[in-house]
PDB file of N, CA and C in Angstrom:
ATOM      1  N   UNK A   1      34.152  37.563  80.611  1.00  0.00           N
ATOM      2  CA  UNK A   1      34.970  37.557  81.813  1.00  0.00           C
ATOM      3  C   UNK A   1      36.310  38.235  81.528  1.00  0.00           C
ATOM      4  N   UNK A   2      36.964  38.658  82.578  1.00  0.00           N
ATOM      5  CA  UNK A   2      38.267  39.290  82.425  1.00  0.00           C
ATOM      6  C   UNK A   2      39.279  38.328  81.799  1.00  0.00           C
ATOM      7  N   UNK A   3      39.181  37.055  82.143  1.00  0.00           N
ATOM      8  CA  UNK A   3      40.076  36.064  81.533  1.00  0.00           C
ATOM      9  C   UNK A   3      39.888  36.005  80.020  1.00  0.00           C
ATOM     10  N   UNK A   4      38.642  36.052  79.570  1.00  0.00           N
ATOM     11  CA  UNK A   4      38.358  36.026  78.130  1.00  0.00           C
ATOM     12  C   UNK A   4      38.922  37.263  77.440  1.00  0.00           C
ATOM     13  N   UNK A   5      38.793  38.401  78.089  1.00  0.00           N
ATOM     14  CA  UNK A   5      39.331  39.643  77.527  1.00  0.00           C
ATOM     15  C   UNK A   5      40.837  39.546  77.403  1.00  0.00           C
ATOM     16  N   UNK A   6      41.485  39.034  78.424  1.00  0.00           N
ATOM     17  CA  UNK A   6      42.945  38.898  78.397  1.00  0.00           C
ATOM     18  C   UNK A   6      43.391  37.924  77.297  1.00  0.00           C
ATOM     19  N   UNK A   7      42.644  36.856  77.092  1.00  0.00           N
ATOM     20  CA  UNK A   7      42.970  35.914  76.018  1.00  0.00           C
ATOM     21  C   UNK A   7      42.810  36.586  74.655  1.00  0.00           C
ATOM     22  N   UNK A   8      41.740  37.333  74.492  1.00  0.00           N
ATOM     23  CA  UNK A   8      41.504  38.040  73.234  1.00  0.00           C
ATOM     24  C   UNK A   8      42.611  39.072  72.996  1.00  0.00           C
ATOM     25  N   UNK A   9      42.967  39.801  74.042  1.00  0.00           N
ATOM     26  CA  UNK A   9      44.030  40.796  73.945  1.00  0.00           C
ATOM     27  C   UNK A   9      45.339  40.145  73.508  1.00  0.00           C
ATOM     28  N   UNK A  10      45.660  39.021  74.118  1.00  0.00           N
ATOM     29  CA  UNK A  10      46.887  38.317  73.789  1.00  0.00           C
ATOM     30  C   UNK A  10      46.901  37.859  72.331  1.00  0.00           C
ATOM     31  N   UNK A  11      45.803  37.289  71.882  1.00  0.00           N
ATOM     32  CA  UNK A  11      45.722  36.805  70.504  1.00  0.00           C
ATOM     33  C   UNK A  11      45.822  37.952  69.505  1.00  0.00           C
ATOM     34  N   UNK A  12      45.138  39.049  69.767  1.00  0.00           N
ATOM     35  CA  UNK A  12      45.166  40.173  68.833  1.00  0.00           C
ATOM     36  C   UNK A  12      46.513  40.881  68.836  1.00  0.00           C
ATOM     37  N   UNK A  13      47.157  40.924  69.986  1.00  0.00           N
ATOM     38  CA  UNK A  13      48.485  41.537  70.060  1.00  0.00           C
ATOM     39  C   UNK A  13      49.493  40.722  69.261  1.00  0.00           C
ATOM     40  N   UNK A  14      49.422  39.403  69.388  1.00  0.00           N
ATOM     41  CA  UNK A  14      50.328  38.532  68.630  1.00  0.00           C
ATOM     42  C   UNK A  14      50.100  38.675  67.134  1.00  0.00           C
ATOM     43  N   UNK A  15      48.872  38.927  66.739  1.00  0.00           N
ATOM     44  CA  UNK A  15      48.540  39.061  65.325  1.00  0.00           C
ATOM     45  C   UNK A  15      48.739  40.458  64.776  1.00  0.00           C
ATOM     46  N   UNK A  16      49.207  41.377  65.612  1.00  0.00           N
ATOM     47  CA  UNK A  16      49.482  42.753  65.191  1.00  0.00           C
ATOM     48  C   UNK A  16      48.249  43.411  64.560  1.00  0.00           C
ATOM     49  N   UNK A  17      47.114  43.252  65.200  1.00  0.00           N
ATOM     50  CA  UNK A  17      45.871  43.791  64.655  1.00  0.00           C
ATOM     51  C   UNK A  17      45.739  45.300  64.839  1.00  0.00           C
ATOM     52  N   UNK A  18      46.522  45.863  65.738  1.00  0.00           N
ATOM     53  CA  UNK A  18      46.378  47.279  66.040  1.00  0.00           C
ATOM     54  C   UNK A  18      45.280  47.548  67.058  1.00  0.00           C
ATOM     55  N   UNK A  19      44.699  46.487  67.579  1.00  0.00           N
ATOM     56  CA  UNK A  19      43.643  46.642  68.576  1.00  0.00           C
ATOM     57  C   UNK A  19      44.235  47.185  69.872  1.00  0.00           C
ATOM     58  N   UNK A  20      43.411  47.916  70.610  1.00  0.00           N
ATOM     59  CA  UNK A  20      43.820  48.439  71.908  1.00  0.00           C
ATOM     60  C   UNK A  20      42.818  47.968  72.950  1.00  0.00           C
ATOM     61  N   UNK A  21      43.317  47.650  74.120  1.00  0.00           N
ATOM     62  CA  UNK A  21      42.468  47.203  75.214  1.00  0.00           C
ATOM     63  C   UNK A  21      42.727  48.071  76.428  1.00  0.00           C
ATOM     64  N   UNK A  22      41.671  48.421  77.111  1.00  0.00           N
ATOM     65  CA  UNK A  22      41.774  49.087  78.405  1.00  0.00           C
ATOM     66  C   UNK A  22      40.676  48.505  79.278  1.00  0.00           C
ATOM     67  N   UNK A  23      41.057  47.977  80.407  1.00  0.00           N
ATOM     68  CA  UNK A  23      40.098  47.324  81.290  1.00  0.00           C
ATOM     69  C   UNK A  23      39.859  48.205  82.514  1.00  0.00           C
ATOM     70  N   UNK A  24      38.605  48.421  82.808  1.00  0.00           N
ATOM     71  CA  UNK A  24      38.205  49.137  84.011  1.00  0.00           C
ATOM     72  C   UNK A  24      37.798  48.071  85.029  1.00  0.00           C
ATOM     73  N   UNK A  25      38.740  47.628  85.806  1.00  0.00           N
ATOM     74  CA  UNK A  25      38.515  46.474  86.680  1.00  0.00           C
ATOM     75  C   UNK A  25      37.461  46.733  87.753  1.00  0.00           C
ATOM     76  N   UNK A  26      37.263  47.978  88.152  1.00  0.00           N
ATOM     77  CA  UNK A  26      36.272  48.290  89.180  1.00  0.00           C
ATOM     78  C   UNK A  26      34.871  48.475  88.605  1.00  0.00           C
ATOM     79  N   UNK A  27      34.772  48.600  87.288  1.00  0.00           N
ATOM     80  CA  UNK A  27      33.474  48.823  86.656  1.00  0.00           C
ATOM     81  C   UNK A  27      32.870  47.483  86.239  1.00  0.00           C
ATOM     82  N   UNK A  28      31.586  47.375  86.391  1.00  0.00           N
ATOM     83  CA  UNK A  28      30.899  46.157  85.994  1.00  0.00           C
ATOM     84  C   UNK A  28      30.403  46.225  84.561  1.00  0.00           C
ATOM     85  N   UNK A  29      29.617  45.246  84.198  1.00  0.00           N
ATOM     86  CA  UNK A  29      29.037  45.174  82.864  1.00  0.00           C
ATOM     87  C   UNK A  29      28.121  46.378  82.618  1.00  0.00           C
ATOM     88  N   UNK A  30      28.164  46.910  81.422  1.00  0.00           N
ATOM     89  CA  UNK A  30      27.307  48.028  80.992  1.00  0.00           C
ATOM     90  C   UNK A  30      27.544  49.288  81.822  1.00  0.00           C
ATOM     91  N   UNK A  31      28.796  49.519  82.219  1.00  0.00           N
ATOM     92  CA  UNK A  31      29.112  50.685  83.044  1.00  0.00           C
ATOM     93  C   UNK A  31      28.908  52.003  82.311  1.00  0.00           C
ATOM     94  N   UNK A  32      28.735  51.938  81.010  1.00  0.00           N
ATOM     95  CA  UNK A  32      28.560  53.154  80.211  1.00  0.00           C
ATOM     96  C   UNK A  32      27.082  53.556  80.100  1.00  0.00           C
ATOM     97  N   UNK A  33      26.184  52.692  80.490  1.00  0.00           N
ATOM     98  CA  UNK A  33      24.744  52.951  80.378  1.00  0.00           C
ATOM     99  C   UNK A  33      24.286  53.778  81.577  1.00  0.00           C
ATOM    100  N   UNK A  34      24.091  55.076  81.362  1.00  0.00           N
ATOM    101  CA  UNK A  34      23.786  55.973  82.475  1.00  0.00           C
ATOM    102  C   UNK A  34      22.405  55.767  83.094  1.00  0.00           C
ATOM    103  N   UNK A  35      21.610  54.920  82.513  1.00  0.00           N
ATOM    104  CA  UNK A  35      20.274  54.628  83.042  1.00  0.00           C
ATOM    105  C   UNK A  35      20.264  53.345  83.884  1.00  0.00           C
ATOM    106  N   UNK A  36      21.436  52.721  84.060  1.00  0.00           N
ATOM    107  CA  UNK A  36      21.514  51.474  84.819  1.00  0.00           C
ATOM    108  C   UNK A  36      22.251  51.705  86.130  1.00  0.00           C
ATOM    109  N   UNK A  37      21.976  50.875  87.121  1.00  0.00           N
ATOM    110  CA  UNK A  37      22.635  51.040  88.421  1.00  0.00           C
ATOM    111  C   UNK A  37      24.159  50.900  88.365  1.00  0.00           C
ATOM    112  N   UNK A  38      24.668  50.169  87.406  1.00  0.00           N
ATOM    113  CA  UNK A  38      26.106  49.950  87.302  1.00  0.00           C
ATOM    114  C   UNK A  38      26.864  51.055  86.607  1.00  0.00           C
ATOM    115  N   UNK A  39      26.187  52.139  86.247  1.00  0.00           N
ATOM    116  CA  UNK A  39      26.840  53.260  85.561  1.00  0.00           C
ATOM    117  C   UNK A  39      27.994  53.787  86.402  1.00  0.00           C
ATOM    118  N   UNK A  40      29.115  54.024  85.756  1.00  0.00           N
ATOM    119  CA  UNK A  40      30.292  54.554  86.435  1.00  0.00           C
ATOM    120  C   UNK A  40      30.823  55.715  85.610  1.00  0.00           C
ATOM    121  N   UNK A  41      30.510  56.922  86.024  1.00  0.00           N
ATOM    122  CA  UNK A  41      30.830  58.119  85.247  1.00  0.00           C
ATOM    123  C   UNK A  41      32.312  58.253  84.886  1.00  0.00           C
ATOM    124  N   UNK A  42      33.251  58.129  85.827  1.00  0.00           N
ATOM    125  CA  UNK A  42      34.656  58.313  85.439  1.00  0.00           C
ATOM    126  C   UNK A  42      35.114  57.336  84.358  1.00  0.00           C
ATOM    127  N   UNK A  43      34.733  56.077  84.501  1.00  0.00           N
ATOM    128  CA  UNK A  43      35.120  55.076  83.512  1.00  0.00           C
ATOM    129  C   UNK A  43      34.402  55.305  82.185  1.00  0.00           C
ATOM    130  N   UNK A  44      33.132  55.674  82.238  1.00  0.00           N
ATOM    131  CA  UNK A  44      32.375  55.931  81.012  1.00  0.00           C
ATOM    132  C   UNK A  44      32.963  57.107  80.243  1.00  0.00           C
ATOM    133  N   UNK A  45      33.303  58.162  80.948  1.00  0.00           N
ATOM    134  CA  UNK A  45      33.894  59.340  80.294  1.00  0.00           C
ATOM    135  C   UNK A  45      35.238  58.987  79.684  1.00  0.00           C
ATOM    136  N   UNK A  46      36.079  58.292  80.444  1.00  0.00           N
ATOM    137  CA  UNK A  46      37.389  57.907  79.927  1.00  0.00           C
ATOM    138  C   UNK A  46      37.255  56.973  78.731  1.00  0.00           C
ATOM    139  N   UNK A  47      36.367  56.008  78.834  1.00  0.00           N
ATOM    140  CA  UNK A  47      36.159  55.069  77.723  1.00  0.00           C
ATOM    141  C   UNK A  47      35.676  55.766  76.464  1.00  0.00           C
ATOM    142  N   UNK A  48      34.775  56.724  76.625  1.00  0.00           N
ATOM    143  CA  UNK A  48      34.262  57.463  75.469  1.00  0.00           C
ATOM    144  C   UNK A  48      35.378  58.283  74.829  1.00  0.00           C
ATOM    145  N   UNK A  49      36.178  58.951  75.647  1.00  0.00           N
ATOM    146  CA  UNK A  49      37.290  59.732  75.101  1.00  0.00           C
ATOM    147  C   UNK A  49      38.300  58.843  74.388  1.00  0.00           C
ATOM    148  N   UNK A  50      38.586  57.694  74.958  1.00  0.00           N
ATOM    149  CA  UNK A  50      39.507  56.753  74.296  1.00  0.00           C
ATOM    150  C   UNK A  50      38.936  56.281  72.954  1.00  0.00           C
ATOM    151  N   UNK A  51      37.628  56.041  72.930  1.00  0.00           N
ATOM    152  CA  UNK A  51      36.978  55.602  71.689  1.00  0.00           C
ATOM    153  C   UNK A  51      37.066  56.684  70.619  1.00  0.00           C
ATOM    154  N   UNK A  52      36.776  57.908  70.997  1.00  0.00           N
ATOM    155  CA  UNK A  52      36.852  59.014  70.037  1.00  0.00           C
ATOM    156  C   UNK A  52      38.265  59.210  69.514  1.00  0.00           C
ATOM    157  N   UNK A  53      39.238  59.110  70.409  1.00  0.00           N
ATOM    158  CA  UNK A  53      40.640  59.240  69.992  1.00  0.00           C
ATOM    159  C   UNK A  53      41.005  58.149  69.000  1.00  0.00           C
ATOM    160  N   UNK A  54      40.608  56.921  69.282  1.00  0.00           N
ATOM    161  CA  UNK A  54      40.916  55.799  68.382  1.00  0.00           C
ATOM    162  C   UNK A  54      40.268  56.026  67.020  1.00  0.00           C
ATOM    163  N   UNK A  55      39.008  56.450  67.021  1.00  0.00           N
ATOM    164  CA  UNK A  55      38.309  56.681  65.763  1.00  0.00           C
ATOM    165  C   UNK A  55      38.994  57.770  64.951  1.00  0.00           C
ATOM    166  N   UNK A  56      39.410  58.840  65.598  1.00  0.00           N
ATOM    167  CA  UNK A  56      40.109  59.922  64.878  1.00  0.00           C
ATOM    168  C   UNK A  56      41.431  59.430  64.318  1.00  0.00           C
ATOM    169  N   UNK A  57      42.172  58.673  65.111  1.00  0.00           N
ATOM    170  CA  UNK A  57      43.478  58.163  64.661  1.00  0.00           C
ATOM    171  C   UNK A  57      43.347  57.254  63.454  1.00  0.00           C
ATOM    172  N   UNK A  58      42.239  56.572  63.351  1.00  0.00           N
ATOM    173  CA  UNK A  58      42.049  55.606  62.270  1.00  0.00           C
ATOM    174  C   UNK A  58      41.127  56.128  61.162  1.00  0.00           C
ATOM    175  N   UNK A  59      40.843  57.418  61.210  1.00  0.00           N
ATOM    176  CA  UNK A  59      40.081  58.043  60.138  1.00  0.00           C
ATOM    177  C   UNK A  59      38.660  57.555  59.988  1.00  0.00           C
ATOM    178  N   UNK A  60      38.062  57.182  61.084  1.00  0.00           N
ATOM    179  CA  UNK A  60      36.682  56.687  61.028  1.00  0.00           C
ATOM    180  C   UNK A  60      35.731  57.803  61.342  1.00  0.00           C
TER     181      UNK A  60
END
């Protein structure tokens, strides 16, 4: 749930984990799965780009 995500975000931010959160409030569960009805292209593309950027920044 969004509440759980916000709690996790708060805890990780306080602990200085370096974690980043971005919530797509209009997208449902599994919005990145292009074979499912809930697929949302704009959010999936943005999420993928954010993931790649994070991985590059952290040398993964």
